Amino acid sequence: MPDFKHVDATDFADVERVTNSALVDRELEKLGGG
């Protein structure tokens, strides 16, 4: 099973939860060295 789920329009409208796009951003920042 993939670790990351595809992003959809709710990622950019929902401020109440940690979105898939935010998880991707965190992973890229981590891979980049923080």
PDB file of all heavy atoms in Angstrom:
ATOM      1  N   MET A   1       0.834  -1.180   0.000  1.00  0.00           N
ATOM      2  CA  MET A   1       0.000   0.000   0.000  1.00  0.00           C
ATOM      3  C   MET A   1       0.882   1.248   0.000  1.00  0.00           C
ATOM      4  O   MET A   1       1.851   1.325   0.747  1.00  0.00           O
ATOM      5  CB  MET A   1      -0.898  -0.018   1.234  1.00  0.00           C
ATOM      6  CG  MET A   1      -1.819   1.158   1.330  1.00  0.00           C
ATOM      7  SD  MET A   1      -2.985   0.897   2.697  1.00  0.00           S
ATOM      8  CE  MET A   1      -4.073   2.222   2.331  1.00  0.00           C
ATOM      9  N   PRO A   2       0.547   2.217  -0.823  1.00  0.00           N
ATOM     10  CA  PRO A   2       1.365   3.435  -0.875  1.00  0.00           C
ATOM     11  C   PRO A   2       1.299   4.225   0.426  1.00  0.00           C
ATOM     12  O   PRO A   2       0.293   4.205   1.120  1.00  0.00           O
ATOM     13  CB  PRO A   2       0.764   4.230  -2.029  1.00  0.00           C
ATOM     14  CG  PRO A   2      -0.481   3.552  -2.430  1.00  0.00           C
ATOM     15  CD  PRO A   2      -0.555   2.235  -1.746  1.00  0.00           C
ATOM     16  N   ASP A   3       2.380   4.918   0.721  1.00  0.00           N
ATOM     17  CA  ASP A   3       2.422   5.749   1.923  1.00  0.00           C
ATOM     18  C   ASP A   3       1.674   7.059   1.734  1.00  0.00           C
ATOM     19  O   ASP A   3       1.178   7.626   2.697  1.00  0.00           O
ATOM     20  CB  ASP A   3       3.863   6.079   2.296  1.00  0.00           C
ATOM     21  CG  ASP A   3       4.615   4.860   2.782  1.00  0.00           C
ATOM     22  OD1 ASP A   3       4.000   3.982   3.400  1.00  0.00           O
ATOM     23  OD2 ASP A   3       5.824   4.805   2.554  1.00  0.00           O
ATOM     24  N   PHE A   4       1.647   7.552   0.507  1.00  0.00           N
ATOM     25  CA  PHE A   4       1.039   8.851   0.247  1.00  0.00           C
ATOM     26  C   PHE A   4      -0.167   8.676  -0.654  1.00  0.00           C
ATOM     27  O   PHE A   4      -0.136   7.921  -1.614  1.00  0.00           O
ATOM     28  CB  PHE A   4       2.059   9.794  -0.398  1.00  0.00           C
ATOM     29  CG  PHE A   4       3.197  10.102   0.530  1.00  0.00           C
ATOM     30  CD1 PHE A   4       4.365   9.381   0.473  1.00  0.00           C
ATOM     31  CD2 PHE A   4       3.084  11.107   1.486  1.00  0.00           C
ATOM     32  CE1 PHE A   4       5.410   9.632   1.339  1.00  0.00           C
ATOM     33  CE2 PHE A   4       4.121  11.371   2.353  1.00  0.00           C
ATOM     34  CZ  PHE A   4       5.286  10.632   2.290  1.00  0.00           C
ATOM     35  N   LYS A   5      -1.232   9.407  -0.328  1.00  0.00           N
ATOM     36  CA  LYS A   5      -2.462   9.361  -1.104  1.00  0.00           C
ATOM     37  C   LYS A   5      -2.497  10.543  -2.059  1.00  0.00           C
ATOM     38  O   LYS A   5      -1.925  11.599  -1.783  1.00  0.00           O
ATOM     39  CB  LYS A   5      -3.680   9.415  -0.184  1.00  0.00           C
ATOM     40  CG  LYS A   5      -3.797   8.221   0.717  1.00  0.00           C
ATOM     41  CD  LYS A   5      -4.988   8.353   1.634  1.00  0.00           C
ATOM     42  CE  LYS A   5      -5.054   7.157   2.571  1.00  0.00           C
ATOM     43  NZ  LYS A   5      -6.111   7.308   3.568  1.00  0.00           N
ATOM     44  N   HIS A   6      -3.196  10.349  -3.179  1.00  0.00           N
ATOM     45  CA  HIS A   6      -3.334  11.432  -4.144  1.00  0.00           C
ATOM     46  C   HIS A   6      -4.064  12.618  -3.531  1.00  0.00           C
ATOM     47  O   HIS A   6      -4.914  12.477  -2.658  1.00  0.00           O
ATOM     48  CB  HIS A   6      -4.069  10.954  -5.399  1.00  0.00           C
ATOM     49  CG  HIS A   6      -3.164  10.250  -6.346  1.00  0.00           C
ATOM     50  ND1 HIS A   6      -3.570   9.176  -7.081  1.00  0.00           N
ATOM     51  CD2 HIS A   6      -1.868  10.457  -6.682  1.00  0.00           C
ATOM     52  CE1 HIS A   6      -2.570   8.751  -7.829  1.00  0.00           C
ATOM     53  NE2 HIS A   6      -1.524   9.518  -7.599  1.00  0.00           N
ATOM     54  N   VAL A   7      -3.704  13.758  -4.016  1.00  0.00           N
ATOM     55  CA  VAL A   7      -4.269  15.027  -3.593  1.00  0.00           C
ATOM     56  C   VAL A   7      -5.534  15.286  -4.403  1.00  0.00           C
ATOM     57  O   VAL A   7      -5.621  14.933  -5.571  1.00  0.00           O
ATOM     58  CB  VAL A   7      -3.215  16.136  -3.831  1.00  0.00           C
ATOM     59  CG1 VAL A   7      -3.794  17.515  -3.656  1.00  0.00           C
ATOM     60  CG2 VAL A   7      -2.017  15.923  -2.920  1.00  0.00           C
ATOM     61  N   ASP A   8      -6.521  15.906  -3.766  1.00  0.00           N
ATOM     62  CA  ASP A   8      -7.714  16.337  -4.493  1.00  0.00           C
ATOM     63  C   ASP A   8      -8.057  17.765  -4.052  1.00  0.00           C
ATOM     64  O   ASP A   8      -7.340  18.365  -3.251  1.00  0.00           O
ATOM     65  CB  ASP A   8      -8.889  15.374  -4.293  1.00  0.00           C
ATOM     66  CG  ASP A   8      -9.321  15.242  -2.845  1.00  0.00           C
ATOM     67  OD1 ASP A   8      -9.236  16.237  -2.083  1.00  0.00           O
ATOM     68  OD2 ASP A   8      -9.757  14.147  -2.460  1.00  0.00           O
ATOM     69  N   ALA A   9      -9.115  18.300  -4.593  1.00  0.00           N
ATOM     70  CA  ALA A   9      -9.459  19.705  -4.342  1.00  0.00           C
ATOM     71  C   ALA A   9      -9.671  20.016  -2.865  1.00  0.00           C
ATOM     72  O   ALA A   9      -9.437  21.149  -2.434  1.00  0.00           O
ATOM     73  CB  ALA A   9     -10.697  20.080  -5.147  1.00  0.00           C
ATOM     74  N   THR A  10     -10.076  19.031  -2.071  1.00  0.00           N
ATOM     75  CA  THR A  10     -10.305  19.303  -0.644  1.00  0.00           C
ATOM     76  C   THR A  10      -9.013  19.656   0.090  1.00  0.00           C
ATOM     77  O   THR A  10      -9.054  20.301   1.134  1.00  0.00           O
ATOM     78  CB  THR A  10     -10.981  18.109   0.064  1.00  0.00           C
ATOM     79  OG1 THR A  10     -10.113  16.979   0.021  1.00  0.00           O
ATOM     80  CG2 THR A  10     -12.323  17.783  -0.575  1.00  0.00           C
ATOM     81  N   ASP A  11      -7.866  19.242  -0.458  1.00  0.00           N
ATOM     82  CA  ASP A  11      -6.590  19.576   0.174  1.00  0.00           C
ATOM     83  C   ASP A  11      -6.359  21.074   0.276  1.00  0.00           C
ATOM     84  O   ASP A  11      -5.642  21.536   1.150  1.00  0.00           O
ATOM     85  CB  ASP A  11      -5.429  18.957  -0.605  1.00  0.00           C
ATOM     86  CG  ASP A  11      -5.207  17.515  -0.239  1.00  0.00           C
ATOM     87  OD1 ASP A  11      -6.033  16.667  -0.596  1.00  0.00           O
ATOM     88  OD2 ASP A  11      -4.202  17.245   0.423  1.00  0.00           O
ATOM     89  N   PHE A  12      -6.934  21.816  -0.633  1.00  0.00           N
ATOM     90  CA  PHE A  12      -6.678  23.249  -0.687  1.00  0.00           C
ATOM     91  C   PHE A  12      -7.827  24.070  -0.109  1.00  0.00           C
ATOM     92  O   PHE A  12      -7.791  25.282  -0.127  1.00  0.00           O
ATOM     93  CB  PHE A  12      -6.361  23.647  -2.132  1.00  0.00           C
ATOM     94  CG  PHE A  12      -5.267  22.788  -2.696  1.00  0.00           C
ATOM     95  CD1 PHE A  12      -5.557  21.791  -3.604  1.00  0.00           C
ATOM     96  CD2 PHE A  12      -3.958  22.929  -2.274  1.00  0.00           C
ATOM     97  CE1 PHE A  12      -4.562  20.966  -4.099  1.00  0.00           C
ATOM     98  CE2 PHE A  12      -2.954  22.108  -2.750  1.00  0.00           C
ATOM     99  CZ  PHE A  12      -3.251  21.133  -3.669  1.00  0.00           C
ATOM    100  N   ALA A  13      -8.837  23.385   0.423  1.00  0.00           N
ATOM    101  CA  ALA A  13      -9.973  24.076   1.003  1.00  0.00           C
ATOM    102  C   ALA A  13     -10.178  23.720   2.471  1.00  0.00           C
ATOM    103  O   ALA A  13     -10.882  24.418   3.176  1.00  0.00           O
ATOM    104  CB  ALA A  13     -11.246  23.725   0.219  1.00  0.00           C
ATOM    105  N   ASP A  14      -9.546  22.660   2.931  1.00  0.00           N
ATOM    106  CA  ASP A  14      -9.769  22.155   4.283  1.00  0.00           C
ATOM    107  C   ASP A  14      -8.653  22.612   5.212  1.00  0.00           C
ATOM    108  O   ASP A  14      -7.509  22.225   5.052  1.00  0.00           O
ATOM    109  CB  ASP A  14      -9.836  20.630   4.248  1.00  0.00           C
ATOM    110  CG  ASP A  14     -10.318  20.033   5.548  1.00  0.00           C
ATOM    111  OD1 ASP A  14     -10.312  20.727   6.574  1.00  0.00           O
ATOM    112  OD2 ASP A  14     -10.699  18.850   5.534  1.00  0.00           O
ATOM    113  N   VAL A  15      -8.988  23.436   6.182  1.00  0.00           N
ATOM    114  CA  VAL A  15      -7.995  23.910   7.150  1.00  0.00           C
ATOM    115  C   VAL A  15      -8.119  23.184   8.485  1.00  0.00           C
ATOM    116  O   VAL A  15      -7.368  23.455   9.413  1.00  0.00           O
ATOM    117  CB  VAL A  15      -8.104  25.435   7.364  1.00  0.00           C
ATOM    118  CG1 VAL A  15      -7.768  26.184   6.086  1.00  0.00           C
ATOM    119  CG2 VAL A  15      -9.480  25.816   7.874  1.00  0.00           C
ATOM    120  N   GLU A  16      -9.043  22.251   8.574  1.00  0.00           N
ATOM    121  CA  GLU A  16      -9.312  21.549   9.825  1.00  0.00           C
ATOM    122  C   GLU A  16      -8.471  20.286  10.011  1.00  0.00           C
ATOM    123  O   GLU A  16      -8.408  19.752  11.097  1.00  0.00           O
ATOM    124  CB  GLU A  16     -10.798  21.164   9.900  1.00  0.00           C
ATOM    125  CG  GLU A  16     -11.731  22.351   9.892  1.00  0.00           C
ATOM    126  CD  GLU A  16     -11.624  23.185  11.156  1.00  0.00           C
ATOM    127  OE1 GLU A  16     -11.483  22.599  12.244  1.00  0.00           O
ATOM    128  OE2 GLU A  16     -11.660  24.421  11.059  1.00  0.00           O
ATOM    129  N   ARG A  17      -7.849  19.794   8.954  1.00  0.00           N
ATOM    130  CA  ARG A  17      -7.116  18.528   9.051  1.00  0.00           C
ATOM    131  C   ARG A  17      -5.749  18.653   8.383  1.00  0.00           C
ATOM    132  O   ARG A  17      -5.494  19.601   7.649  1.00  0.00           O
ATOM    133  CB  ARG A  17      -7.910  17.400   8.379  1.00  0.00           C
ATOM    134  CG  ARG A  17      -8.045  17.559   6.883  1.00  0.00           C
ATOM    135  CD  ARG A  17      -8.877  16.449   6.234  1.00  0.00           C
ATOM    136  NE  ARG A  17      -9.129  16.770   4.845  1.00  0.00           N
ATOM    137  CZ  ARG A  17      -8.402  16.326   3.825  1.00  0.00           C
ATOM    138  NH1 ARG A  17      -7.380  15.535   4.026  1.00  0.00           N
ATOM    139  NH2 ARG A  17      -8.698  16.665   2.578  1.00  0.00           N
ATOM    140  N   VAL A  18      -4.896  17.689   8.658  1.00  0.00           N
ATOM    141  CA  VAL A  18      -3.615  17.616   7.967  1.00  0.00           C
ATOM    142  C   VAL A  18      -3.905  16.978   6.611  1.00  0.00           C
ATOM    143  O   VAL A  18      -4.343  15.832   6.533  1.00  0.00           O
ATOM    144  CB  VAL A  18      -2.588  16.781   8.763  1.00  0.00           C
ATOM    145  CG1 VAL A  18      -1.297  16.663   7.987  1.00  0.00           C
ATOM    146  CG2 VAL A  18      -2.355  17.392  10.130  1.00  0.00           C
ATOM    147  N   THR A  19      -3.691  17.729   5.560  1.00  0.00           N
ATOM    148  CA  THR A  19      -4.049  17.276   4.219  1.00  0.00           C
ATOM    149  C   THR A  19      -2.940  16.445   3.581  1.00  0.00           C
ATOM    150  O   THR A  19      -1.790  16.465   4.045  1.00  0.00           O
ATOM    151  CB  THR A  19      -4.358  18.477   3.313  1.00  0.00           C
ATOM    152  OG1 THR A  19      -3.167  19.272   3.212  1.00  0.00           O
ATOM    153  CG2 THR A  19      -5.504  19.311   3.852  1.00  0.00           C
ATOM    154  N   ASN A  20      -3.285  15.759   2.513  1.00  0.00           N
ATOM    155  CA  ASN A  20      -2.296  14.968   1.783  1.00  0.00           C
ATOM    156  C   ASN A  20      -1.175  15.858   1.257  1.00  0.00           C
ATOM    157  O   ASN A  20      -0.003  15.478   1.294  1.00  0.00           O
ATOM    158  CB  ASN A  20      -2.963  14.215   0.633  1.00  0.00           C
ATOM    159  CG  ASN A  20      -3.959  13.196   1.121  1.00  0.00           C
ATOM    160  OD1 ASN A  20      -3.781  12.603   2.183  1.00  0.00           O
ATOM    161  ND2 ASN A  20      -5.021  12.988   0.370  1.00  0.00           N
ATOM    162  N   SER A  21      -1.517  17.054   0.782  1.00  0.00           N
ATOM    163  CA  SER A  21      -0.476  17.955   0.267  1.00  0.00           C
ATOM    164  C   SER A  21       0.473  18.389   1.393  1.00  0.00           C
ATOM    165  O   SER A  21       1.681  18.507   1.172  1.00  0.00           O
ATOM    166  CB  SER A  21      -1.095  19.166  -0.429  1.00  0.00           C
ATOM    167  OG  SER A  21      -1.890  19.918   0.456  1.00  0.00           O
ATOM    168  N   ALA A  22      -0.045  18.596   2.592  1.00  0.00           N
ATOM    169  CA  ALA A  22       0.808  18.964   3.725  1.00  0.00           C
ATOM    170  C   ALA A  22       1.750  17.820   4.092  1.00  0.00           C
ATOM    171  O   ALA A  22       2.923  18.042   4.416  1.00  0.00           O
ATOM    172  CB  ALA A  22      -0.041  19.355   4.930  1.00  0.00           C
ATOM    173  N   LEU A  23       1.264  16.583   4.016  1.00  0.00           N
ATOM    174  CA  LEU A  23       2.120  15.423   4.294  1.00  0.00           C
ATOM    175  C   LEU A  23       3.226  15.302   3.254  1.00  0.00           C
ATOM    176  O   LEU A  23       4.374  14.973   3.588  1.00  0.00           O
ATOM    177  CB  LEU A  23       1.282  14.145   4.341  1.00  0.00           C
ATOM    178  CG  LEU A  23       0.269  14.068   5.484  1.00  0.00           C
ATOM    179  CD1 LEU A  23      -0.626  12.844   5.324  1.00  0.00           C
ATOM    180  CD2 LEU A  23       0.975  14.055   6.834  1.00  0.00           C
ATOM    181  N   VAL A  24       2.904  15.587   1.999  1.00  0.00           N
ATOM    182  CA  VAL A  24       3.914  15.560   0.932  1.00  0.00           C
ATOM    183  C   VAL A  24       4.953  16.649   1.184  1.00  0.00           C
ATOM    184  O   VAL A  24       6.165  16.401   1.084  1.00  0.00           O
ATOM    185  CB  VAL A  24       3.255  15.716  -0.458  1.00  0.00           C
ATOM    186  CG1 VAL A  24       4.296  15.970  -1.535  1.00  0.00           C
ATOM    187  CG2 VAL A  24       2.433  14.480  -0.787  1.00  0.00           C
ATOM    188  N   ASP A  25       4.498  17.856   1.527  1.00  0.00           N
ATOM    189  CA  ASP A  25       5.435  18.941   1.825  1.00  0.00           C
ATOM    190  C   ASP A  25       6.380  18.548   2.958  1.00  0.00           C
ATOM    191  O   ASP A  25       7.594  18.772   2.869  1.00  0.00           O
ATOM    192  CB  ASP A  25       4.679  20.219   2.225  1.00  0.00           C
ATOM    193  CG  ASP A  25       4.013  20.916   1.055  1.00  0.00           C
ATOM    194  OD1 ASP A  25       4.262  20.548  -0.113  1.00  0.00           O
ATOM    195  OD2 ASP A  25       3.219  21.847   1.315  1.00  0.00           O
ATOM    196  N   ARG A  26       5.843  17.956   4.007  1.00  0.00           N
ATOM    197  CA  ARG A  26       6.680  17.530   5.146  1.00  0.00           C
ATOM    198  C   ARG A  26       7.724  16.503   4.721  1.00  0.00           C
ATOM    199  O   ARG A  26       8.879  16.547   5.165  1.00  0.00           O
ATOM    200  CB  ARG A  26       5.812  16.945   6.254  1.00  0.00           C
ATOM    201  CG  ARG A  26       4.998  17.950   6.984  1.00  0.00           C
ATOM    202  CD  ARG A  26       4.166  17.288   8.063  1.00  0.00           C
ATOM    203  NE  ARG A  26       3.195  18.203   8.627  1.00  0.00           N
ATOM    204  CZ  ARG A  26       2.236  17.841   9.445  1.00  0.00           C
ATOM    205  NH1 ARG A  26       2.119  16.570   9.813  1.00  0.00           N
ATOM    206  NH2 ARG A  26       1.391  18.735   9.912  1.00  0.00           N
ATOM    207  N   GLU A  27       7.313  15.559   3.883  1.00  0.00           N
ATOM    208  CA  GLU A  27       8.247  14.529   3.419  1.00  0.00           C
ATOM    209  C   GLU A  27       9.358  15.143   2.578  1.00  0.00           C
ATOM    210  O   GLU A  27      10.528  14.784   2.738  1.00  0.00           O
ATOM    211  CB  GLU A  27       7.504  13.450   2.619  1.00  0.00           C
ATOM    212  CG  GLU A  27       8.388  12.341   2.107  1.00  0.00           C
ATOM    213  CD  GLU A  27       8.929  11.408   3.189  1.00  0.00           C
ATOM    214  OE1 GLU A  27       8.537  11.530   4.368  1.00  0.00           O
ATOM    215  OE2 GLU A  27       9.758  10.542   2.837  1.00  0.00           O
ATOM    216  N   LEU A  28       9.013  16.065   1.693  1.00  0.00           N
ATOM    217  CA  LEU A  28      10.039  16.709   0.871  1.00  0.00           C
ATOM    218  C   LEU A  28      11.001  17.518   1.737  1.00  0.00           C
ATOM    219  O   LEU A  28      12.220  17.492   1.505  1.00  0.00           O
ATOM    220  CB  LEU A  28       9.404  17.596  -0.194  1.00  0.00           C
ATOM    221  CG  LEU A  28       8.627  16.876  -1.287  1.00  0.00           C
ATOM    222  CD1 LEU A  28       8.003  17.874  -2.243  1.00  0.00           C
ATOM    223  CD2 LEU A  28       9.499  15.894  -2.035  1.00  0.00           C
ATOM    224  N   GLU A  29      10.465  18.225   2.723  1.00  0.00           N
ATOM    225  CA  GLU A  29      11.332  18.983   3.625  1.00  0.00           C
ATOM    226  C   GLU A  29      12.265  18.056   4.392  1.00  0.00           C
ATOM    227  O   GLU A  29      13.450  18.350   4.568  1.00  0.00           O
ATOM    228  CB  GLU A  29      10.491  19.827   4.584  1.00  0.00           C
ATOM    229  CG  GLU A  29       9.797  20.982   3.898  1.00  0.00           C
ATOM    230  CD  GLU A  29       8.822  21.730   4.794  1.00  0.00           C
ATOM    231  OE1 GLU A  29       8.742  21.426   6.011  1.00  0.00           O
ATOM    232  OE2 GLU A  29       8.126  22.613   4.270  1.00  0.00           O
ATOM    233  N   LYS A  30      11.752  16.915   4.825  1.00  0.00           N
ATOM    234  CA  LYS A  30      12.571  15.938   5.549  1.00  0.00           C
ATOM    235  C   LYS A  30      13.661  15.373   4.637  1.00  0.00           C
ATOM    236  O   LYS A  30      14.834  15.302   5.031  1.00  0.00           O
ATOM    237  CB  LYS A  30      11.688  14.812   6.083  1.00  0.00           C
ATOM    238  CG  LYS A  30      12.433  13.786   6.920  1.00  0.00           C
ATOM    239  CD  LYS A  30      11.493  12.718   7.420  1.00  0.00           C
ATOM    240  CE  LYS A  30      11.557  11.573   6.438  1.00  0.00           C
ATOM    241  NZ  LYS A  30      10.784  10.406   6.801  1.00  0.00           N
ATOM    242  N   LEU A  31      13.283  14.990   3.423  1.00  0.00           N
ATOM    243  CA  LEU A  31      14.270  14.449   2.487  1.00  0.00           C
ATOM    244  C   LEU A  31      15.339  15.479   2.150  1.00  0.00           C
ATOM    245  O   LEU A  31      16.492  15.122   1.894  1.00  0.00           O
ATOM    246  CB  LEU A  31      13.591  13.975   1.192  1.00  0.00           C
ATOM    247  CG  LEU A  31      12.729  12.730   1.297  1.00  0.00           C
ATOM    248  CD1 LEU A  31      12.029  12.456  -0.030  1.00  0.00           C
ATOM    249  CD2 LEU A  31      13.553  11.515   1.717  1.00  0.00           C
ATOM    250  N   GLY A  32      14.949  16.746   2.154  1.00  0.00           N
ATOM    251  CA  GLY A  32      15.889  17.817   1.846  1.00  0.00           C
ATOM    252  C   GLY A  32      16.816  18.179   2.985  1.00  0.00           C
ATOM    253  O   GLY A  32      17.694  19.021   2.833  1.00  0.00           O
ATOM    254  N   GLY A  33      16.632  17.571   4.143  1.00  0.00           N
ATOM    255  CA  GLY A  33      17.534  17.802   5.257  1.00  0.00           C
ATOM    256  C   GLY A  33      16.960  18.637   6.378  1.00  0.00           C
ATOM    257  O   GLY A  33      17.653  18.962   7.334  1.00  0.00           O
ATOM    258  N   GLY A  34      15.698  19.023   6.257  1.00  0.00           N
ATOM    259  CA  GLY A  34      15.065  19.814   7.304  1.00  0.00           C
ATOM    260  C   GLY A  34      15.487  21.267   7.266  1.00  0.00           C
ATOM    261  O   GLY A  34      16.379  21.656   6.517  1.00  0.00           O
TER     262      GLY A  34
END
